[in-house]
Amino acid sequence: MSDPHPSRRRGVLARMRASFLTGLVVVLPIGLTIYFVWTLIGWIDGWILPLIPSAYQPEALVERFIGPDANFPVRGIGVLVFLVFTIIIGWLAKGLFGRSVIHWGEDMVDRMPIIRSVYGAIKQVAETFFNKKEQSFDQVCLLEFPRAGSYALGFISTRPRGEVAQRLAALGPDFSAVFVGLTPFTSGMLLYVPTRDLVILDMKIDDAAKLIVSGGLVYPLPKEPS
């Protein structure tokens, strides 16, 4: 016996499918964010908690202040210890004594060939991302890449310096260092482009990164007219 209302059933299934996809778009980012944060906290706890004396372990503190019958997992103590320790180190590093200790330690590292290279690279990356005095990227731009007539999003970072600036000065009056990110946004290319060939955008750095990561699917919201 045939279904007397096939179109109605297909309509219900289509609405259920659309609702499921809409719910997935809402739930998936939230779920992945919670999972990532929970995993990151557990990873930091796994590194920090073994360094804490057993009397101050989370389980021991719960048993001491709540009772021996209390048995539930406690996460985040390692993160809290890490934050407090890092703040104290940063505070000491600003003082004369802290700077002297850091300078002495870096002198020791400079005498170790392999360790010196690894430490220097990690320090440079950390200063680039976390030092507020120098922003990692200044502006977002469009540039012709990889061929004439096609354009890519780029991040203007710095002006050329040192030997690079000297060599480029013979080729033109004004160049900018532009980082072109790839999808997925785990790598990219550093290009030195004449500044006059760049199309400067008002787009924020975060919005441009989202646009690249999404493969052109997530565009920033248009600005409201003032």
Protein backbone atom coordinates (compact mmCIF):
# COMPACT_ATOMS: atom_id res chain seq x y z
CA MET A 1 0.00 0.00 0.00
CA SER A 2 1.53 3.34 -1.06
CA ASP A 3 1.88 6.32 1.26
CA PRO A 4 -0.99 8.75 0.57
CA HIS A 5 1.10 11.73 1.75
CA PRO A 6 4.72 11.23 0.56
CA SER A 7 5.39 14.95 0.18
CA ARG A 8 4.29 15.65 3.77
CA ARG A 9 6.63 12.96 5.11
CA ARG A 10 9.53 14.31 3.07
CA GLY A 11 8.77 17.78 4.40
CA VAL A 12 8.89 16.54 8.00
CA LEU A 13 12.19 14.73 7.39
CA ALA A 14 13.65 17.80 5.71
CA ARG A 15 12.69 20.00 8.67
CA MET A 16 14.15 17.46 11.12
CA ARG A 17 17.37 17.35 9.12
CA ALA A 18 17.57 21.16 9.02
CA SER A 19 16.93 21.38 12.77
CA PHE A 20 19.59 18.73 13.44
CA LEU A 21 22.18 20.61 11.37
CA THR A 22 21.30 23.88 13.08
CA GLY A 23 21.63 22.26 16.49
CA LEU A 24 24.93 20.72 15.43
CA VAL A 25 26.28 24.12 14.46
CA VAL A 26 25.37 25.39 17.95
CA VAL A 27 26.43 22.36 19.99
CA LEU A 28 29.64 21.40 18.19
CA PRO A 29 31.66 24.59 18.89
CA ILE A 30 30.51 24.65 22.52
CA GLY A 31 31.27 20.96 23.02
CA LEU A 32 34.69 21.14 21.38
CA THR A 33 35.58 24.26 23.39
CA ILE A 34 34.61 22.59 26.67
CA TYR A 35 36.52 19.44 25.68
CA PHE A 36 39.61 21.42 24.70
CA VAL A 37 39.62 23.49 27.90
CA TRP A 38 38.99 20.42 30.07
CA THR A 39 41.78 18.50 28.32
CA LEU A 40 44.18 21.45 28.60
CA ILE A 41 43.50 21.78 32.33
CA GLY A 42 44.11 18.05 32.78
CA TRP A 43 47.35 18.25 30.79
CA ILE A 44 48.67 21.14 32.91
CA ASP A 45 47.61 19.35 36.11
CA GLY A 46 49.47 16.26 34.92
CA TRP A 47 52.68 18.27 34.71
CA ILE A 48 52.30 20.40 37.85
CA LEU A 49 50.65 18.13 40.44
CA PRO A 50 53.55 15.63 40.65
CA LEU A 51 55.73 18.54 41.82
CA ILE A 52 53.38 19.35 44.72
CA PRO A 53 53.93 17.55 48.07
CA SER A 54 51.44 14.77 48.78
CA ALA A 55 50.01 16.66 51.78
CA TYR A 56 48.84 19.44 49.45
CA GLN A 57 47.47 17.29 46.66
CA PRO A 58 43.82 18.05 45.76
CA GLU A 59 42.60 14.68 47.06
CA ALA A 60 44.38 15.23 50.39
CA LEU A 61 42.92 18.72 50.76
CA VAL A 62 39.40 17.47 50.00
CA GLU A 63 39.75 14.69 52.55
CA ARG A 64 41.14 17.11 55.14
CA PHE A 65 38.54 19.87 54.83
CA ILE A 66 35.44 17.99 53.69
CA GLY A 67 35.87 14.51 55.10
CA PRO A 68 37.21 11.07 54.22
CA ASP A 69 33.94 10.11 52.53
CA ALA A 70 34.24 12.88 49.95
CA ASN A 71 35.51 11.39 46.72
CA PHE A 72 35.25 13.49 43.57
CA PRO A 73 37.83 14.63 41.01
CA VAL A 74 39.31 18.09 41.41
CA ARG A 75 40.83 19.76 38.38
CA GLY A 76 42.49 23.12 38.04
CA ILE A 77 44.80 23.13 41.07
CA GLY A 78 47.81 22.67 38.80
CA VAL A 79 46.60 25.52 36.59
CA LEU A 80 46.20 27.78 39.63
CA VAL A 81 49.70 26.91 40.88
CA PHE A 82 51.12 27.51 37.39
CA LEU A 83 49.45 30.93 37.15
CA VAL A 84 50.65 32.03 40.59
CA PHE A 85 54.17 30.76 39.89
CA THR A 86 54.30 32.51 36.50
CA ILE A 87 53.05 35.80 37.98
CA ILE A 88 55.71 35.65 40.71
CA ILE A 89 58.44 34.91 38.15
CA GLY A 90 57.24 37.80 35.97
CA TRP A 91 57.22 40.14 38.96
CA LEU A 92 60.75 39.10 39.94
CA ALA A 93 61.97 39.42 36.34
CA LYS A 94 61.05 43.12 36.36
CA GLY A 95 63.36 43.82 39.30
CA LEU A 96 67.11 44.30 39.29
CA PHE A 97 67.80 41.01 41.04
CA GLY A 98 65.56 39.07 38.67
CA ARG A 99 67.13 40.64 35.59
CA SER A 100 70.58 39.81 36.92
CA VAL A 101 69.62 36.16 37.47
CA ILE A 102 68.07 35.93 34.00
CA HIS A 103 71.15 37.53 32.43
CA TRP A 104 73.41 35.09 34.25
CA GLY A 105 71.27 32.14 33.16
CA GLU A 106 71.26 33.29 29.53
CA ASP A 107 75.04 33.61 29.63
CA MET A 108 75.22 30.00 30.76
CA VAL A 109 72.86 28.90 27.99
CA ASP A 110 74.91 30.79 25.37
CA ARG A 111 77.83 28.47 26.12
CA MET A 112 75.82 25.38 25.12
CA PRO A 113 75.67 25.16 21.30
CA ILE A 114 72.52 23.07 20.74
CA ILE A 115 70.59 24.31 23.77
CA ARG A 116 71.47 27.89 22.82
CA SER A 117 69.77 27.54 19.43
CA VAL A 118 66.64 25.91 20.87
CA TYR A 119 66.35 28.46 23.69
CA GLY A 120 66.86 31.40 21.34
CA ALA A 121 64.17 30.21 18.94
CA ILE A 122 61.63 29.56 21.72
CA LYS A 123 62.38 32.90 23.38
CA GLN A 124 61.93 34.78 20.11
CA VAL A 125 58.59 33.11 19.43
CA ALA A 126 57.39 33.78 22.99
CA GLU A 127 58.38 37.44 22.81
CA THR A 128 56.63 37.80 19.46
CA PHE A 129 53.32 36.43 20.73
CA PHE A 130 53.27 37.66 24.34
CA ASN A 131 55.22 40.91 24.37
CA LYS A 132 52.71 43.76 24.37
CA LYS A 133 55.30 46.31 23.28
CA GLU A 134 55.53 44.79 19.80
CA GLN A 135 52.43 43.52 18.05
CA SER A 136 52.85 40.39 15.99
CA PHE A 137 50.82 41.80 13.09
CA ASP A 138 49.82 45.38 12.33
CA GLN A 139 47.22 45.30 9.56
CA VAL A 140 45.37 43.04 7.16
CA CYS A 141 45.89 43.52 3.45
CA LEU A 142 45.17 42.08 0.02
CA LEU A 143 48.04 41.33 -2.32
CA GLU A 144 48.40 39.71 -5.71
CA PHE A 145 49.39 36.12 -4.97
CA PRO A 146 50.30 33.57 -6.24
CA ARG A 147 49.91 35.13 -9.70
CA ALA A 148 48.73 38.37 -11.23
CA GLY A 149 44.96 38.74 -11.13
CA SER A 150 44.41 36.57 -8.03
CA TYR A 151 44.51 38.00 -4.52
CA ALA A 152 45.27 36.58 -1.08
CA LEU A 153 44.79 37.84 2.46
CA GLY A 154 48.00 38.85 4.15
CA PHE A 155 49.14 40.17 7.53
CA ILE A 156 51.54 43.11 7.53
CA SER A 157 54.09 42.40 10.25
CA THR A 158 57.15 44.66 10.22
CA ARG A 159 59.38 46.75 8.05
CA PRO A 160 62.44 44.94 6.66
CA ARG A 161 65.53 45.25 8.82
CA GLY A 162 69.22 44.48 8.64
CA GLU A 163 70.65 42.84 5.55
CA VAL A 164 67.17 42.20 4.11
CA ALA A 165 66.39 45.93 4.21
CA GLN A 166 69.72 46.76 2.57
CA ARG A 167 69.16 44.31 -0.28
CA LEU A 168 65.57 45.43 -0.85
CA ALA A 169 66.58 49.10 -0.91
CA ALA A 170 68.31 48.44 -4.23
CA LEU A 171 65.05 47.08 -5.68
CA GLY A 172 62.62 49.76 -4.57
CA PRO A 173 61.98 52.54 -2.07
CA ASP A 174 59.47 50.91 0.26
CA PHE A 175 58.79 47.26 1.12
CA SER A 176 56.66 45.60 3.79
CA ALA A 177 56.95 42.14 5.32
CA VAL A 178 53.67 40.30 4.70
CA PHE A 179 52.72 36.90 6.11
CA VAL A 180 50.33 34.96 3.88
CA GLY A 181 48.52 32.25 5.86
CA LEU A 182 47.44 28.94 4.38
CA THR A 183 44.35 26.81 5.04
CA PRO A 184 44.44 25.11 7.53
CA PHE A 185 46.13 28.00 9.31
CA THR A 186 49.15 26.07 10.61
CA SER A 187 51.70 27.44 8.17
CA GLY A 188 52.25 30.22 5.69
CA MET A 189 54.79 32.18 3.70
CA LEU A 190 56.71 35.36 4.44
CA LEU A 191 56.80 37.74 1.47
CA TYR A 192 58.46 41.11 1.03
CA VAL A 193 56.10 43.14 -1.13
CA PRO A 194 56.26 46.76 -2.34
CA THR A 195 53.98 48.71 -0.03
CA ARG A 196 52.31 50.47 -2.96
CA ASP A 197 51.06 47.07 -4.22
CA LEU A 198 49.18 46.30 -0.99
CA VAL A 199 45.46 46.95 -0.52
CA ILE A 200 45.03 47.83 3.16
CA LEU A 201 41.83 46.51 4.78
CA ASP A 202 39.96 47.66 7.90
CA MET A 203 39.43 44.01 8.87
CA LYS A 204 40.67 42.95 12.30
CA ILE A 205 43.48 40.42 12.63
CA ASP A 206 41.20 37.89 14.35
CA ASP A 207 38.53 38.21 11.67
CA ALA A 208 41.07 37.67 8.91
CA ALA A 209 42.42 34.58 10.69
CA LYS A 210 38.89 33.16 10.99
CA LEU A 211 38.30 33.81 7.30
CA ILE A 212 41.46 31.91 6.36
CA VAL A 213 40.82 29.02 8.76
CA SER A 214 37.25 28.57 7.51
CA GLY A 215 38.37 28.49 3.91
CA GLY A 216 36.39 31.61 3.05
CA LEU A 217 33.16 30.55 4.77
CA VAL A 218 33.20 32.81 7.85
CA TYR A 219 33.23 36.50 6.98
CA PRO A 220 33.27 39.28 9.60
CA LEU A 221 29.98 41.01 10.25
CA PRO A 222 29.56 44.27 8.34
CA LYS A 223 30.06 47.43 10.35
CA GLU A 224 26.93 49.30 11.34
CA PRO A 225 26.71 52.74 9.72
CA SER A 226 27.43 55.50 12.21
